[in-house]
Amino acid sequence: METTHVALFKGKQIRKTLHNNEWWFSVVDVVHALTDQLDNERARKYWNKLSQRLREEGSEVVTKCHRLKLEAVDGKKYETDCANTEGIFRIIQSIPSPKAEPFKRWLAKVGYERVQEIENPELATKRTRMLYKLKGYSEDWIEKRMRGIAIREELTEEWQKRGAQEQRDYEILTAEISKATFGITPANYHKLKGLKRENLRDHMDDFELIFTMLGERSTTEIHRNRRLSRFVKTQERCKRGR
């Protein structure tokens, strides 16, 4: 299951996701950051023309891009052209922009940090804590958020063992827990809070985080105790995990 993360380059959001244990970046977001296009639609058209030219030139850059599901502004996930660090470096070379060199340095830093995290997983946790701290979250909130991340990872591992494969599977199961816990789906929760691309859980208060943890933790225990294997049964148990 791909999870969308957002990194910032000079105030511009670059969506990224872990695929085969390395970062893959949204090509359209990179184009947007480098060309100062007025909106994402123009950046998308720019990339379409550029990718067509690269294909005609026989470049392998486009063929090495993968279409991965990334979360969009409306909170839904869509297949998006993505490239790894090497691919993005090669795409940058085809875009005339004064921001090219600063972006290369930024990209190299992001890639190096990922290598460090693979060698020492605790670094990822420390960096996440630091990011939340820099955003002004309290230590108590950060502790709950980090615990919630760990509980969520345990739950998704159980789902994977029981047949959840596609992104849609995880969305269905998550929606069942959310409806059982809050009486509302995550998509509607986003709208209720006035969120777009932002992470819903980063905008929950202490009580919301606690109830989310309780719902997901109890669901994990139900799965383990009942030893469910089929996806449909797993979905039924999610409804009871509150």
C-alpha atoms as a PDB file:
ATOM      1  CA  MET A   1       0.000   0.000   0.000  1.00  0.00           C
ATOM      2  CA  GLU A   2       1.417   3.340  -1.072  1.00  0.00           C
ATOM      3  CA  THR A   3       1.134   6.207   1.370  1.00  0.00           C
ATOM      4  CA  THR A   4       1.385   9.749   0.054  1.00  0.00           C
ATOM      5  CA  HIS A   5       3.872  12.011   1.808  1.00  0.00           C
ATOM      6  CA  VAL A   6       4.401  15.701   1.113  1.00  0.00           C
ATOM      7  CA  ALA A   7       7.787  17.411   1.047  1.00  0.00           C
ATOM      8  CA  LEU A   8       8.361  21.135   0.568  1.00  0.00           C
ATOM      9  CA  PHE A   9      10.735  22.790  -1.891  1.00  0.00           C
ATOM     10  CA  LYS A  10      10.726  26.573  -1.576  1.00  0.00           C
ATOM     11  CA  GLY A  11       7.097  26.538  -0.453  1.00  0.00           C
ATOM     12  CA  LYS A  12       5.937  24.173  -3.219  1.00  0.00           C
ATOM     13  CA  GLN A  13       4.466  20.805  -2.269  1.00  0.00           C
ATOM     14  CA  ILE A  14       6.123  17.746  -3.794  1.00  0.00           C
ATOM     15  CA  ARG A  15       4.179  14.525  -3.283  1.00  0.00           C
ATOM     16  CA  LYS A  16       6.265  11.410  -2.774  1.00  0.00           C
ATOM     17  CA  THR A  17       5.699   7.785  -1.860  1.00  0.00           C
ATOM     18  CA  LEU A  18       7.818   4.817  -0.888  1.00  0.00           C
ATOM     19  CA  HIS A  19       7.978   2.230  -3.676  1.00  0.00           C
ATOM     20  CA  ASN A  20      10.415  -0.685  -3.577  1.00  0.00           C
ATOM     21  CA  ASN A  21      11.971   0.921  -0.496  1.00  0.00           C
ATOM     22  CA  GLU A  22      12.935   4.191  -2.218  1.00  0.00           C
ATOM     23  CA  TRP A  23      11.267   7.551  -2.719  1.00  0.00           C
ATOM     24  CA  TRP A  24       9.287   8.130  -5.909  1.00  0.00           C
ATOM     25  CA  PHE A  25       8.210  11.705  -6.654  1.00  0.00           C
ATOM     26  CA  SER A  26       5.245  13.148  -8.551  1.00  0.00           C
ATOM     27  CA  VAL A  27       6.665  14.386 -11.855  1.00  0.00           C
ATOM     28  CA  VAL A  28       3.897  16.982 -12.258  1.00  0.00           C
ATOM     29  CA  ASP A  29       4.680  18.419  -8.810  1.00  0.00           C
ATOM     30  CA  VAL A  30       8.369  18.681  -9.723  1.00  0.00           C
ATOM     31  CA  VAL A  31       7.506  20.399 -13.011  1.00  0.00           C
ATOM     32  CA  HIS A  32       5.222  22.770 -11.118  1.00  0.00           C
ATOM     33  CA  ALA A  33       7.988  23.642  -8.648  1.00  0.00           C
ATOM     34  CA  LEU A  34      10.578  24.278 -11.362  1.00  0.00           C
ATOM     35  CA  THR A  35       8.533  26.143 -13.974  1.00  0.00           C
ATOM     36  CA  ASP A  36       6.327  28.364 -11.775  1.00  0.00           C
ATOM     37  CA  GLN A  37       3.278  27.310 -13.758  1.00  0.00           C
ATOM     38  CA  LEU A  38       0.128  29.078 -12.547  1.00  0.00           C
ATOM     39  CA  ASP A  39      -1.685  25.864 -11.659  1.00  0.00           C
ATOM     40  CA  ASN A  40      -1.329  22.093 -11.657  1.00  0.00           C
ATOM     41  CA  GLU A  41      -3.276  21.749 -14.893  1.00  0.00           C
ATOM     42  CA  ARG A  42      -0.708  23.794 -16.830  1.00  0.00           C
ATOM     43  CA  ALA A  43       2.101  21.848 -15.180  1.00  0.00           C
ATOM     44  CA  ARG A  44       0.394  18.634 -16.292  1.00  0.00           C
ATOM     45  CA  LYS A  45       0.165  19.874 -19.893  1.00  0.00           C
ATOM     46  CA  TYR A  46       3.826  20.917 -19.750  1.00  0.00           C
ATOM     47  CA  TRP A  47       4.795  17.403 -18.634  1.00  0.00           C
ATOM     48  CA  ASN A  48       2.640  15.809 -21.351  1.00  0.00           C
ATOM     49  CA  LYS A  49       4.444  17.796 -24.047  1.00  0.00           C
ATOM     50  CA  LEU A  50       7.855  17.188 -22.477  1.00  0.00           C
ATOM     51  CA  SER A  51       7.265  13.439 -22.127  1.00  0.00           C
ATOM     52  CA  GLN A  52       6.143  13.275 -25.773  1.00  0.00           C
ATOM     53  CA  ARG A  53       9.334  15.053 -26.893  1.00  0.00           C
ATOM     54  CA  LEU A  54      11.495  12.759 -24.752  1.00  0.00           C
ATOM     55  CA  ARG A  55       9.836   9.693 -26.289  1.00  0.00           C
ATOM     56  CA  GLU A  56      10.464  11.023 -29.793  1.00  0.00           C
ATOM     57  CA  GLU A  57      14.113  11.553 -28.866  1.00  0.00           C
ATOM     58  CA  GLY A  58      14.354   7.950 -27.712  1.00  0.00           C
ATOM     59  CA  SER A  59      14.908   8.842 -24.053  1.00  0.00           C
ATOM     60  CA  GLU A  60      14.362   6.069 -21.494  1.00  0.00           C
ATOM     61  CA  VAL A  61      13.286   8.551 -18.813  1.00  0.00           C
ATOM     62  CA  VAL A  62       9.570   8.334 -19.599  1.00  0.00           C
ATOM     63  CA  THR A  63       9.521   4.534 -19.861  1.00  0.00           C
ATOM     64  CA  LYS A  64      11.126   4.299 -16.412  1.00  0.00           C
ATOM     65  CA  CYS A  65       8.366   6.384 -14.818  1.00  0.00           C
ATOM     66  CA  HIS A  66       5.787   4.403 -12.848  1.00  0.00           C
ATOM     67  CA  ARG A  67       2.138   5.300 -12.443  1.00  0.00           C
ATOM     68  CA  LEU A  68       1.610   5.176  -8.681  1.00  0.00           C
ATOM     69  CA  LYS A  69      -1.464   6.176  -6.703  1.00  0.00           C
ATOM     70  CA  LEU A  70      -0.979   9.509  -4.933  1.00  0.00           C
ATOM     71  CA  GLU A  71      -3.490  11.490  -2.946  1.00  0.00           C
ATOM     72  CA  ALA A  72      -4.868  14.537  -4.789  1.00  0.00           C
ATOM     73  CA  VAL A  73      -6.393  17.769  -3.516  1.00  0.00           C
ATOM     74  CA  ASP A  74      -9.843  16.162  -3.276  1.00  0.00           C
ATOM     75  CA  GLY A  75      -8.488  13.551  -0.838  1.00  0.00           C
ATOM     76  CA  LYS A  76      -8.805  10.689  -3.346  1.00  0.00           C
ATOM     77  CA  LYS A  77      -5.902   8.737  -4.821  1.00  0.00           C
ATOM     78  CA  TYR A  78      -5.177   8.734  -8.537  1.00  0.00           C
ATOM     79  CA  GLU A  79      -2.535   7.102 -10.694  1.00  0.00           C
ATOM     80  CA  THR A  80       0.213   9.667 -11.157  1.00  0.00           C
ATOM     81  CA  ASP A  81       3.431   9.649 -13.179  1.00  0.00           C
ATOM     82  CA  CYS A  82       6.247   9.189 -10.667  1.00  0.00           C
ATOM     83  CA  ALA A  83      10.011   8.851 -10.967  1.00  0.00           C
ATOM     84  CA  ASN A  84      12.702   7.867  -8.519  1.00  0.00           C
ATOM     85  CA  THR A  85      15.616  10.141  -7.649  1.00  0.00           C
ATOM     86  CA  GLU A  86      17.640   9.129 -10.705  1.00  0.00           C
ATOM     87  CA  GLY A  87      14.677   9.653 -13.013  1.00  0.00           C
ATOM     88  CA  ILE A  88      13.853  13.063 -11.578  1.00  0.00           C
ATOM     89  CA  PHE A  89      17.485  14.143 -12.020  1.00  0.00           C
ATOM     90  CA  ARG A  90      17.263  13.261 -15.725  1.00  0.00           C
ATOM     91  CA  ILE A  91      13.911  15.003 -16.147  1.00  0.00           C
ATOM     92  CA  ILE A  92      15.290  18.151 -14.513  1.00  0.00           C
ATOM     93  CA  GLN A  93      18.020  18.285 -17.157  1.00  0.00           C
ATOM     94  CA  SER A  94      15.294  18.723 -19.777  1.00  0.00           C
ATOM     95  CA  ILE A  95      13.623  21.652 -17.994  1.00  0.00           C
ATOM     96  CA  PRO A  96      15.252  25.091 -18.362  1.00  0.00           C
ATOM     97  CA  SER A  97      14.873  26.638 -14.929  1.00  0.00           C
ATOM     98  CA  PRO A  98      17.022  28.744 -12.572  1.00  0.00           C
ATOM     99  CA  LYS A  99      15.716  26.481  -9.784  1.00  0.00           C
ATOM    100  CA  ALA A 100      17.245  23.352 -11.332  1.00  0.00           C
ATOM    101  CA  GLU A 101      20.481  23.353  -9.321  1.00  0.00           C
ATOM    102  CA  PRO A 102      18.850  24.150  -5.931  1.00  0.00           C
ATOM    103  CA  PHE A 103      16.291  21.410  -6.635  1.00  0.00           C
ATOM    104  CA  LYS A 104      19.049  18.893  -7.412  1.00  0.00           C
ATOM    105  CA  ARG A 105      20.683  19.656  -4.074  1.00  0.00           C
ATOM    106  CA  TRP A 106      17.321  19.327  -2.303  1.00  0.00           C
ATOM    107  CA  LEU A 107      16.622  16.032  -4.075  1.00  0.00           C
ATOM    108  CA  ALA A 108      20.052  14.654  -3.193  1.00  0.00           C
ATOM    109  CA  LYS A 109      19.452  15.541   0.470  1.00  0.00           C
ATOM    110  CA  VAL A 110      16.066  13.802   0.493  1.00  0.00           C
ATOM    111  CA  GLY A 111      17.566  10.704  -1.134  1.00  0.00           C
ATOM    112  CA  TYR A 112      20.490  10.617   1.277  1.00  0.00           C
ATOM    113  CA  GLU A 113      18.148  10.878   4.261  1.00  0.00           C
ATOM    114  CA  ARG A 114      16.237   7.854   2.960  1.00  0.00           C
ATOM    115  CA  VAL A 115      19.461   5.830   2.744  1.00  0.00           C
ATOM    116  CA  GLN A 116      20.223   6.780   6.347  1.00  0.00           C
ATOM    117  CA  GLU A 117      16.738   5.726   7.453  1.00  0.00           C
ATOM    118  CA  ILE A 118      17.126   2.297   5.812  1.00  0.00           C
ATOM    119  CA  GLU A 119      20.392   1.778   7.683  1.00  0.00           C
ATOM    120  CA  ASN A 120      18.940   3.133  10.932  1.00  0.00           C
ATOM    121  CA  PRO A 121      15.086   3.059  11.061  1.00  0.00           C
ATOM    122  CA  GLU A 122      15.068   5.094  14.293  1.00  0.00           C
ATOM    123  CA  LEU A 123      16.167   8.145  12.283  1.00  0.00           C
ATOM    124  CA  ALA A 124      12.835   8.189  10.440  1.00  0.00           C
ATOM    125  CA  THR A 125      10.967   8.310  13.749  1.00  0.00           C
ATOM    126  CA  LYS A 126      13.235  11.053  15.095  1.00  0.00           C
ATOM    127  CA  ARG A 127      12.806  13.144  11.934  1.00  0.00           C
ATOM    128  CA  THR A 128       9.032  12.750  12.075  1.00  0.00           C
ATOM    129  CA  ARG A 129       9.003  13.880  15.707  1.00  0.00           C
ATOM    130  CA  MET A 130      11.189  16.871  14.853  1.00  0.00           C
ATOM    131  CA  LEU A 131       8.942  17.906  11.946  1.00  0.00           C
ATOM    132  CA  TYR A 132       5.877  17.863  14.196  1.00  0.00           C
ATOM    133  CA  LYS A 133       7.762  19.843  16.831  1.00  0.00           C
ATOM    134  CA  LEU A 134       8.796  22.474  14.266  1.00  0.00           C
ATOM    135  CA  LYS A 135       5.152  22.764  13.199  1.00  0.00           C
ATOM    136  CA  GLY A 136       4.258  23.727  16.771  1.00  0.00           C
ATOM    137  CA  TYR A 137       2.630  20.543  18.053  1.00  0.00           C
ATOM    138  CA  SER A 138       2.907  19.818  21.781  1.00  0.00           C
ATOM    139  CA  GLU A 139       5.038  16.956  23.089  1.00  0.00           C
ATOM    140  CA  ASP A 140       1.921  15.230  24.435  1.00  0.00           C
ATOM    141  CA  TRP A 141       0.187  15.412  21.036  1.00  0.00           C
ATOM    142  CA  ILE A 142       3.326  14.203  19.244  1.00  0.00           C
ATOM    143  CA  GLU A 143       3.558  11.201  21.576  1.00  0.00           C
ATOM    144  CA  LYS A 144      -0.042  10.219  20.759  1.00  0.00           C
ATOM    145  CA  ARG A 145       0.505  10.760  17.031  1.00  0.00           C
ATOM    146  CA  MET A 146       3.629   8.588  16.962  1.00  0.00           C
ATOM    147  CA  ARG A 147       1.890   5.841  18.941  1.00  0.00           C
ATOM    148  CA  GLY A 148      -1.007   6.052  16.503  1.00  0.00           C
ATOM    149  CA  ILE A 149       1.392   5.571  13.558  1.00  0.00           C
ATOM    150  CA  ALA A 150       2.801   2.412  15.159  1.00  0.00           C
ATOM    151  CA  ILE A 151      -0.691   1.023  15.814  1.00  0.00           C
ATOM    152  CA  ARG A 152      -1.733   1.800  12.241  1.00  0.00           C
ATOM    153  CA  GLU A 153       1.296  -0.079  10.864  1.00  0.00           C
ATOM    154  CA  GLU A 154       0.423  -3.150  12.950  1.00  0.00           C
ATOM    155  CA  LEU A 155      -3.139  -3.050  11.640  1.00  0.00           C
ATOM    156  CA  THR A 156      -2.174  -2.738   7.953  1.00  0.00           C
ATOM    157  CA  GLU A 157       0.192  -5.693   8.369  1.00  0.00           C
ATOM    158  CA  GLU A 158      -2.742  -7.774   9.681  1.00  0.00           C
ATOM    159  CA  TRP A 159      -4.901  -6.669   6.747  1.00  0.00           C
ATOM    160  CA  GLN A 160      -2.190  -7.632   4.304  1.00  0.00           C
ATOM    161  CA  LYS A 161      -1.999 -11.109   5.823  1.00  0.00           C
ATOM    162  CA  ARG A 162      -5.760 -11.460   5.362  1.00  0.00           C
ATOM    163  CA  GLY A 163      -5.990 -10.574   1.680  1.00  0.00           C
ATOM    164  CA  ALA A 164      -5.969  -6.777   1.440  1.00  0.00           C
ATOM    165  CA  GLN A 165      -3.884  -5.968  -1.632  1.00  0.00           C
ATOM    166  CA  GLU A 166      -5.145  -2.952  -3.548  1.00  0.00           C
ATOM    167  CA  GLN A 167      -5.265   0.584  -2.200  1.00  0.00           C
ATOM    168  CA  ARG A 168      -9.048   0.397  -2.457  1.00  0.00           C
ATOM    169  CA  ASP A 169      -9.076  -2.529   0.017  1.00  0.00           C
ATOM    170  CA  TYR A 170      -7.326  -0.459   2.680  1.00  0.00           C
ATOM    171  CA  GLU A 171      -9.625   2.496   2.012  1.00  0.00           C
ATOM    172  CA  ILE A 172     -12.737   0.328   2.509  1.00  0.00           C
ATOM    173  CA  LEU A 173     -11.429  -1.153   5.767  1.00  0.00           C
ATOM    174  CA  THR A 174     -10.312   2.230   7.089  1.00  0.00           C
ATOM    175  CA  ALA A 175     -13.711   3.715   6.247  1.00  0.00           C
ATOM    176  CA  GLU A 176     -15.473   0.956   8.224  1.00  0.00           C
ATOM    177  CA  ILE A 177     -13.416   1.725  11.348  1.00  0.00           C
ATOM    178  CA  SER A 178     -13.950   5.459  10.925  1.00  0.00           C
ATOM    179  CA  LYS A 179     -17.721   5.012  10.600  1.00  0.00           C
ATOM    180  CA  ALA A 180     -17.773   2.762  13.672  1.00  0.00           C
ATOM    181  CA  THR A 181     -15.657   5.224  15.674  1.00  0.00           C
ATOM    182  CA  PHE A 182     -16.880   8.643  14.498  1.00  0.00           C
ATOM    183  CA  GLY A 183     -19.962   7.874  12.419  1.00  0.00           C
ATOM    184  CA  ILE A 184     -18.343   9.367   9.315  1.00  0.00           C
ATOM    185  CA  THR A 185     -15.971   8.262   6.534  1.00  0.00           C
ATOM    186  CA  PRO A 186     -12.440   9.737   6.256  1.00  0.00           C
ATOM    187  CA  ALA A 187     -13.419  11.496   2.996  1.00  0.00           C
ATOM    188  CA  ASN A 188     -16.334  13.263   4.677  1.00  0.00           C
ATOM    189  CA  TYR A 189     -14.149  13.931   7.723  1.00  0.00           C
ATOM    190  CA  HIS A 190     -11.723  15.770   5.424  1.00  0.00           C
ATOM    191  CA  LYS A 191     -14.577  17.941   4.138  1.00  0.00           C
ATOM    192  CA  LEU A 192     -15.892  18.544   7.657  1.00  0.00           C
ATOM    193  CA  LYS A 193     -12.508  19.887   8.728  1.00  0.00           C
ATOM    194  CA  GLY A 194     -12.049  21.884   5.522  1.00  0.00           C
ATOM    195  CA  LEU A 195      -8.953  19.913   4.507  1.00  0.00           C
ATOM    196  CA  LYS A 196      -7.665  19.264   0.995  1.00  0.00           C
ATOM    197  CA  ARG A 197      -4.325  17.490   0.560  1.00  0.00           C
ATOM    198  CA  GLU A 198      -3.434  17.643   4.262  1.00  0.00           C
ATOM    199  CA  ASN A 199      -3.171  14.514   6.382  1.00  0.00           C
ATOM    200  CA  LEU A 200      -6.411  14.101   8.357  1.00  0.00           C
ATOM    201  CA  ARG A 201      -4.707  12.689  11.457  1.00  0.00           C
ATOM    202  CA  ASP A 202      -2.347  15.649  11.634  1.00  0.00           C
ATOM    203  CA  HIS A 203      -5.450  17.779  12.187  1.00  0.00           C
ATOM    204  CA  MET A 204      -7.015  15.678  14.916  1.00  0.00           C
ATOM    205  CA  ASP A 205      -7.061  16.782  18.538  1.00  0.00           C
ATOM    206  CA  ASP A 206      -5.962  14.585  21.444  1.00  0.00           C
ATOM    207  CA  PHE A 207      -9.343  12.910  21.891  1.00  0.00           C
ATOM    208  CA  GLU A 208      -9.719  12.160  18.183  1.00  0.00           C
ATOM    209  CA  LEU A 209      -6.266  10.568  18.127  1.00  0.00           C
ATOM    210  CA  ILE A 210      -7.104   8.476  21.196  1.00  0.00           C
ATOM    211  CA  PHE A 211     -10.397   7.221  19.730  1.00  0.00           C
ATOM    212  CA  THR A 212      -8.655   6.459  16.421  1.00  0.00           C
ATOM    213  CA  MET A 213      -5.996   4.433  18.229  1.00  0.00           C
ATOM    214  CA  LEU A 214      -8.630   2.549  20.238  1.00  0.00           C
ATOM    215  CA  GLY A 215     -10.598   1.690  17.097  1.00  0.00           C
ATOM    216  CA  GLU A 216      -7.566   0.457  15.180  1.00  0.00           C
ATOM    217  CA  ARG A 217      -5.965  -1.346  18.102  1.00  0.00           C
ATOM    218  CA  SER A 218      -9.162  -3.211  18.995  1.00  0.00           C
ATOM    219  CA  THR A 219      -9.635  -4.154  15.336  1.00  0.00           C
ATOM    220  CA  THR A 220      -6.101  -5.584  15.233  1.00  0.00           C
ATOM    221  CA  GLU A 221      -6.813  -7.692  18.319  1.00  0.00           C
ATOM    222  CA  ILE A 222     -10.089  -8.968  16.853  1.00  0.00           C
ATOM    223  CA  HIS A 223      -8.275 -10.049  13.687  1.00  0.00           C
ATOM    224  CA  ARG A 224      -5.564 -11.840  15.652  1.00  0.00           C
ATOM    225  CA  ASN A 225      -7.966 -13.609  18.013  1.00  0.00           C
ATOM    226  CA  ARG A 226     -10.403 -14.725  15.316  1.00  0.00           C
ATOM    227  CA  ARG A 227      -7.640 -15.686  12.834  1.00  0.00           C
ATOM    228  CA  LEU A 228      -9.647 -14.379   9.908  1.00  0.00           C
ATOM    229  CA  SER A 229      -8.387 -14.990   6.413  1.00  0.00           C
ATOM    230  CA  ARG A 230     -10.972 -13.693   3.944  1.00  0.00           C
ATOM    231  CA  PHE A 231     -11.246  -9.996   3.034  1.00  0.00           C
ATOM    232  CA  VAL A 232     -15.059  -9.897   3.471  1.00  0.00           C
ATOM    233  CA  LYS A 233     -14.807 -11.273   7.002  1.00  0.00           C
ATOM    234  CA  THR A 234     -12.052  -8.788   7.716  1.00  0.00           C
ATOM    235  CA  GLN A 235     -14.355  -5.972   6.626  1.00  0.00           C
ATOM    236  CA  GLU A 236     -17.103  -7.242   8.950  1.00  0.00           C
ATOM    237  CA  ARG A 237     -14.681  -7.275  11.903  1.00  0.00           C
ATOM    238  CA  CYS A 238     -13.624  -3.708  11.121  1.00  0.00           C
ATOM    239  CA  LYS A 239     -17.199  -2.612  11.718  1.00  0.00           C
ATOM    240  CA  ARG A 240     -16.990  -4.093  15.224  1.00  0.00           C
ATOM    241  CA  GLY A 241     -13.557  -2.730  16.079  1.00  0.00           C
ATOM    242  CA  ARG A 242     -14.625   0.086  18.350  1.00  0.00           C
END
